[in-house]
C-alpha atoms as a PDB file:
ATOM      1  CA  MET A   1     121.948 128.242  68.385  1.00  0.00           C
ATOM      2  CA  SER A   2     118.392 129.039  69.390  1.00  0.00           C
ATOM      3  CA  ALA A   3     117.386 130.525  72.726  1.00  0.00           C
ATOM      4  CA  GLN A   4     115.589 127.306  73.668  1.00  0.00           C
ATOM      5  CA  THR A   5     118.764 125.280  73.091  1.00  0.00           C
ATOM      6  CA  VAL A   6     120.798 127.647  75.257  1.00  0.00           C
ATOM      7  CA  ILE A   7     118.227 127.407  78.038  1.00  0.00           C
ATOM      8  CA  LEU A   8     118.170 123.600  77.842  1.00  0.00           C
ATOM      9  CA  ILE A   9     121.977 123.449  78.014  1.00  0.00           C
ATOM     10  CA  PHE A  10     121.998 125.849  80.966  1.00  0.00           C
ATOM     11  CA  THR A  11     119.415 123.806  82.867  1.00  0.00           C
ATOM     12  CA  LEU A  12     121.321 120.621  82.043  1.00  0.00           C
ATOM     13  CA  VAL A  13     124.416 122.111  83.680  1.00  0.00           C
ATOM     14  CA  ILE A  14     122.391 123.126  86.739  1.00  0.00           C
ATOM     15  CA  TYR A  15     120.852 119.649  87.047  1.00  0.00           C
ATOM     16  CA  MET A  16     124.278 118.022  86.768  1.00  0.00           C
ATOM     17  CA  ILE A  17     125.735 120.318  89.448  1.00  0.00           C
ATOM     18  CA  ILE A  18     122.838 119.554  91.807  1.00  0.00           C
ATOM     19  CA  ILE A  19     123.083 115.811  91.248  1.00  0.00           C
ATOM     20  CA  PHE A  20     126.887 115.853  91.638  1.00  0.00           C
ATOM     21  CA  VAL A  21     126.806 117.865  94.875  1.00  0.00           C
ATOM     22  CA  PHE A  22     124.024 115.844  96.483  1.00  0.00           C
ATOM     23  CA  ASN A  23     125.536 112.536  95.357  1.00  0.00           C
ATOM     24  CA  LYS A  24     128.780 113.549  97.033  1.00  0.00           C
ATOM     25  CA  ALA A  25     126.854 114.565 100.164  1.00  0.00           C
ATOM     26  CA  ARG A  26     124.945 111.259 100.098  1.00  0.00           C
ATOM     27  CA  LYS A  27     128.222 109.370 100.389  1.00  0.00           C
ATOM     28  CA  LYS A  28     129.321 111.570 103.292  1.00  0.00           C
ATOM     29  CA  TYR A  29     126.019 111.518 105.201  1.00  0.00           C
ATOM     30  CA  ALA A  30     124.853 107.958 104.505  1.00  0.00           C
ATOM     31  CA  GLY A  31     122.008 106.820 106.734  1.00  0.00           C
ATOM     32  CA  GLY A  32     119.793 108.754 109.074  1.00  0.00           C
ATOM     33  CA  LYS A  33     117.404 111.564 108.260  1.00  0.00           C
ATOM     34  CA  VAL A  34     119.988 113.593 106.387  1.00  0.00           C
ATOM     35  CA  GLY A  35     120.675 110.656 104.080  1.00  0.00           C
ATOM     36  CA  GLU A  36     116.959 110.179 103.461  1.00  0.00           C
ATOM     37  CA  VAL A  37     116.481 113.868 102.646  1.00  0.00           C
ATOM     38  CA  ILE A  38     119.432 113.796 100.253  1.00  0.00           C
ATOM     39  CA  ASN A  39     117.920 110.768  98.487  1.00  0.00           C
ATOM     40  CA  LEU A  40     114.580 112.605  98.250  1.00  0.00           C
ATOM     41  CA  ILE A  41     116.273 115.590  96.641  1.00  0.00           C
ATOM     42  CA  ILE A  42     118.203 113.443  94.146  1.00  0.00           C
ATOM     43  CA  VAL A  43     115.087 111.537  93.027  1.00  0.00           C
ATOM     44  CA  THR A  44     113.063 114.754  92.785  1.00  0.00           C
ATOM     45  CA  VAL A  45     115.749 116.441  90.677  1.00  0.00           C
ATOM     46  CA  ALA A  46     115.940 113.369  88.431  1.00  0.00           C
ATOM     47  CA  LEU A  47     112.170 113.410  87.856  1.00  0.00           C
ATOM     48  CA  LEU A  48     112.197 117.153  87.130  1.00  0.00           C
ATOM     49  CA  PHE A  49     115.129 116.596  84.753  1.00  0.00           C
ATOM     50  CA  ILE A  50     113.104 114.005  82.833  1.00  0.00           C
ATOM     51  CA  ALA A  51     110.162 116.400  82.703  1.00  0.00           C
ATOM     52  CA  ASP A  52     112.281 119.205  81.281  1.00  0.00           C
ATOM     53  CA  TYR A  53     114.025 117.036  78.726  1.00  0.00           C
ATOM     54  CA  ALA A  54     110.887 115.383  77.384  1.00  0.00           C
ATOM     55  CA  GLN A  55     111.043 118.176  74.795  1.00  0.00           C
ATOM     56  CA  ILE A  56     113.769 116.208  73.024  1.00  0.00           C
ATOM     57  CA  LEU A  57     111.038 113.850  71.835  1.00  0.00           C
ATOM     58  CA  SER A  58     109.137 116.692  70.145  1.00  0.00           C
ATOM     59  CA  SER A  59     110.133 115.538  66.680  1.00  0.00           C
ATOM     60  CA  TYR A  60     108.720 112.061  67.364  1.00  0.00           C
ATOM     61  CA  LEU A  61     105.635 112.706  69.483  1.00  0.00           C
ATOM     62  CA  ASP A  62     102.657 115.030  69.446  1.00  0.00           C
ATOM     63  CA  LYS A  63     102.987 118.291  71.384  1.00  0.00           C
ATOM     64  CA  GLU A  64     100.026 117.471  73.637  1.00  0.00           C
ATOM     65  CA  LEU A  65     101.554 114.119  74.569  1.00  0.00           C
ATOM     66  CA  ILE A  66     104.858 115.774  75.452  1.00  0.00           C
ATOM     67  CA  GLU A  67     103.072 118.321  77.640  1.00  0.00           C
ATOM     68  CA  THR A  68     101.243 115.466  79.361  1.00  0.00           C
ATOM     69  CA  ILE A  69     104.524 113.637  79.974  1.00  0.00           C
ATOM     70  CA  GLN A  70     106.073 116.803  81.381  1.00  0.00           C
ATOM     71  CA  ALA A  71     103.116 117.417  83.685  1.00  0.00           C
ATOM     72  CA  LEU A  72     103.177 113.811  84.918  1.00  0.00           C
ATOM     73  CA  PHE A  73     106.889 113.824  85.735  1.00  0.00           C
ATOM     74  CA  ARG A  74     106.719 117.240  87.426  1.00  0.00           C
ATOM     75  CA  THR A  75     103.750 116.105  89.492  1.00  0.00           C
ATOM     76  CA  ALA A  76     105.509 112.826  90.323  1.00  0.00           C
ATOM     77  CA  GLY A  77     108.643 114.673  91.427  1.00  0.00           C
ATOM     78  CA  LEU A  78     106.830 117.126  93.655  1.00  0.00           C
ATOM     79  CA  SER A  79     104.552 114.414  95.062  1.00  0.00           C
ATOM     80  CA  PHE A  80     107.541 112.217  95.836  1.00  0.00           C
ATOM     81  CA  LEU A  81     109.225 115.116  97.626  1.00  0.00           C
ATOM     82  CA  ALA A  82     106.084 115.972  99.609  1.00  0.00           C
ATOM     83  CA  TYR A  83     105.361 112.369 100.621  1.00  0.00           C
ATOM     84  CA  GLY A  84     108.984 111.695 101.525  1.00  0.00           C
ATOM     85  CA  GLY A  85     109.189 114.924 103.492  1.00  0.00           C
ATOM     86  CA  VAL A  86     106.132 113.985 105.521  1.00  0.00           C
ATOM     87  CA  ARG A  87     107.558 110.498 106.101  1.00  0.00           C
ATOM     88  CA  VAL A  88     110.932 111.861 107.237  1.00  0.00           C
ATOM     89  CA  ALA A  89     109.313 114.482 109.470  1.00  0.00           C
ATOM     90  CA  GLY A  90     107.056 111.868 111.039  1.00  0.00           C
ATOM     91  CA  SER A  91     109.876 109.512 111.975  1.00  0.00           C
END
């Protein structure tokens, strides 16, 4: 098993733990600002997960295209978090 595969498996486990914990918290703290923040975190983690796992398509797509996809999803995740944070703080 290559080092890259081990790292991808490790990050997959971390993403799953984060999504599981915050999904459980979302059920407990539904509604209000806490619920909105939890939803922001879940969507951001999902977008970052997609960015990290775009590497799976490396055998089908060009390396530059994969890097572009990764950059777009990372930017989308962080932008979503920033915009949602401003919206929650403003309300």
